[in-house]
Amino acid sequence: MKTQLSHFCLHVKDMAKAVEFYNKTMGFGIEYQDDKWSELKLNDKISLALKCVADPLPGIGFSVDNCEEATRKLEEKGVKINTRCVKKESSQIILTQFEDPDGNVLWMSEKIK
């Protein structure tokens, strides 16, 4: 399974304030924004994802060529899958969310072609 770092995720309590800070204060361009999920471009390969939640925790995202295949390989290795290959029409990705051995949230996404 080939993966490439694509996102860092921060959980935030107030999406509007977080987007304003990272866009206007830090200078990151907005790729996508709604009340629950936003993405800002850090550079040409890595984005900062913001997810609105009650109890914020960080996360890391990876891009993959085939989400179904990559998820199956993780499952075969006993990885805990939280969300399996959900199609996110609004951001044009297929997303799997999973955990490392310490419960840190990670995800991988495939761009919808």
Protein backbone atom coordinates (compact mmCIF):
# COMPACT_ATOMS: atom_id res chain seq x y z
CA MET A 1 0.00 0.00 0.00
CA LYS A 2 1.57 3.27 -1.12
CA THR A 3 0.60 6.29 0.97
CA GLN A 4 1.64 9.91 0.86
CA LEU A 5 1.12 12.53 3.56
CA SER A 6 -1.66 14.83 2.38
CA HIS A 7 -3.31 16.43 5.44
CA PHE A 8 -2.86 17.43 9.01
CA CYS A 9 -6.17 17.67 10.86
CA LEU A 10 -7.03 19.89 13.75
CA HIS A 11 -10.30 19.52 15.59
CA VAL A 12 -11.82 22.90 16.37
CA LYS A 13 -14.77 24.14 18.39
CA ASP A 14 -15.63 27.18 16.21
CA MET A 15 -15.13 26.63 12.46
CA ALA A 16 -15.58 30.28 11.44
CA LYS A 17 -12.97 31.50 13.92
CA ALA A 18 -10.55 28.71 13.00
CA VAL A 19 -10.84 29.33 9.26
CA GLU A 20 -10.43 33.07 9.76
CA PHE A 21 -7.28 32.51 11.84
CA TYR A 22 -5.62 30.05 9.46
CA ASN A 23 -6.66 32.01 6.36
CA LYS A 24 -6.21 35.63 7.40
CA THR A 25 -3.58 35.35 10.14
CA MET A 26 -1.51 32.45 8.80
CA GLY A 27 -2.13 33.10 5.09
CA PHE A 28 -3.33 29.63 4.04
CA GLY A 29 -5.72 29.56 1.06
CA ILE A 30 -9.19 28.09 1.56
CA GLU A 31 -9.81 24.99 -0.59
CA TYR A 32 -13.14 24.01 0.94
CA GLN A 33 -15.26 25.28 3.82
CA ASP A 34 -18.51 24.40 5.56
CA ASP A 35 -19.72 24.40 9.17
CA LYS A 36 -18.28 20.95 10.02
CA TRP A 37 -15.22 20.47 7.75
CA SER A 38 -12.79 22.83 6.03
CA GLU A 39 -9.51 22.45 4.16
CA LEU A 40 -6.76 25.04 3.75
CA LYS A 41 -3.72 24.66 1.50
CA LEU A 42 -0.37 24.68 3.33
CA ASN A 43 1.65 24.03 0.17
CA ASP A 44 1.20 22.25 -3.16
CA LYS A 45 1.12 18.80 -1.48
CA ILE A 46 -0.18 19.21 2.08
CA SER A 47 -3.42 20.67 3.42
CA LEU A 48 -4.65 21.59 6.87
CA ALA A 49 -8.04 20.04 7.54
CA LEU A 50 -10.30 21.47 10.23
CA LYS A 51 -13.10 19.38 11.74
CA CYS A 52 -15.64 20.90 14.10
CA VAL A 53 -16.07 18.72 17.21
CA ALA A 54 -16.95 19.17 20.88
CA ASP A 55 -13.68 17.68 22.18
CA PRO A 56 -10.78 18.62 19.88
CA LEU A 57 -8.02 16.09 19.04
CA PRO A 58 -5.38 16.22 16.24
CA GLY A 59 -5.07 13.83 13.30
CA ILE A 60 -2.96 13.07 10.22
CA GLY A 61 -4.22 12.23 6.74
CA PHE A 62 -2.67 10.25 3.89
CA SER A 63 -3.62 10.10 0.24
CA VAL A 64 -3.94 6.71 -1.45
CA ASP A 65 -4.65 5.59 -5.01
CA ASN A 66 -7.38 3.13 -4.01
CA CYS A 67 -9.22 3.56 -0.70
CA GLU A 68 -10.99 0.17 -0.81
CA GLU A 69 -7.74 -1.73 -1.36
CA ALA A 70 -5.79 0.27 1.25
CA THR A 71 -8.59 -0.16 3.82
CA ARG A 72 -8.72 -3.92 3.19
CA LYS A 73 -4.97 -4.16 3.78
CA LEU A 74 -5.30 -2.28 7.08
CA GLU A 75 -8.17 -4.55 8.17
CA GLU A 76 -6.08 -7.64 7.34
CA LYS A 77 -3.40 -6.28 9.69
CA GLY A 78 -5.92 -5.80 12.52
CA VAL A 79 -6.18 -2.01 12.35
CA LYS A 80 -9.30 -0.52 13.97
CA ILE A 81 -11.37 1.13 11.23
CA ASN A 82 -13.72 3.89 12.42
CA THR A 83 -15.18 4.95 9.07
CA ARG A 84 -14.81 2.78 5.96
CA CYS A 85 -14.54 4.35 2.49
CA VAL A 86 -17.21 7.03 2.84
CA LYS A 87 -17.79 9.05 -0.31
CA LYS A 88 -17.58 12.77 0.49
CA GLU A 89 -19.23 14.44 -2.52
CA SER A 90 -18.66 17.95 -1.17
CA SER A 91 -14.87 17.54 -1.15
CA GLN A 92 -14.57 14.95 -3.97
CA ILE A 93 -12.87 12.24 -1.89
CA ILE A 94 -13.45 8.73 -0.57
CA LEU A 95 -12.36 8.63 3.08
CA THR A 96 -11.42 5.94 5.61
CA GLN A 97 -10.76 6.94 9.21
CA PHE A 98 -8.75 4.60 11.43
CA GLU A 99 -6.69 4.52 14.64
CA ASP A 100 -3.09 3.78 15.50
CA PRO A 101 -2.32 1.54 18.53
CA ASP A 102 -2.62 4.54 20.91
CA GLY A 103 -6.02 5.61 19.57
CA ASN A 104 -4.72 8.55 17.52
CA VAL A 105 -7.09 9.27 14.65
CA LEU A 106 -5.64 8.91 11.16
CA TRP A 107 -7.34 8.88 7.81
CA MET A 108 -6.64 8.18 4.20
CA SER A 109 -8.40 9.55 1.20
CA GLU A 110 -8.70 8.82 -2.49
CA LYS A 111 -9.52 11.68 -4.85
CA ILE A 112 -12.66 10.97 -6.86
CA LYS A 113 -11.81 11.08 -10.54
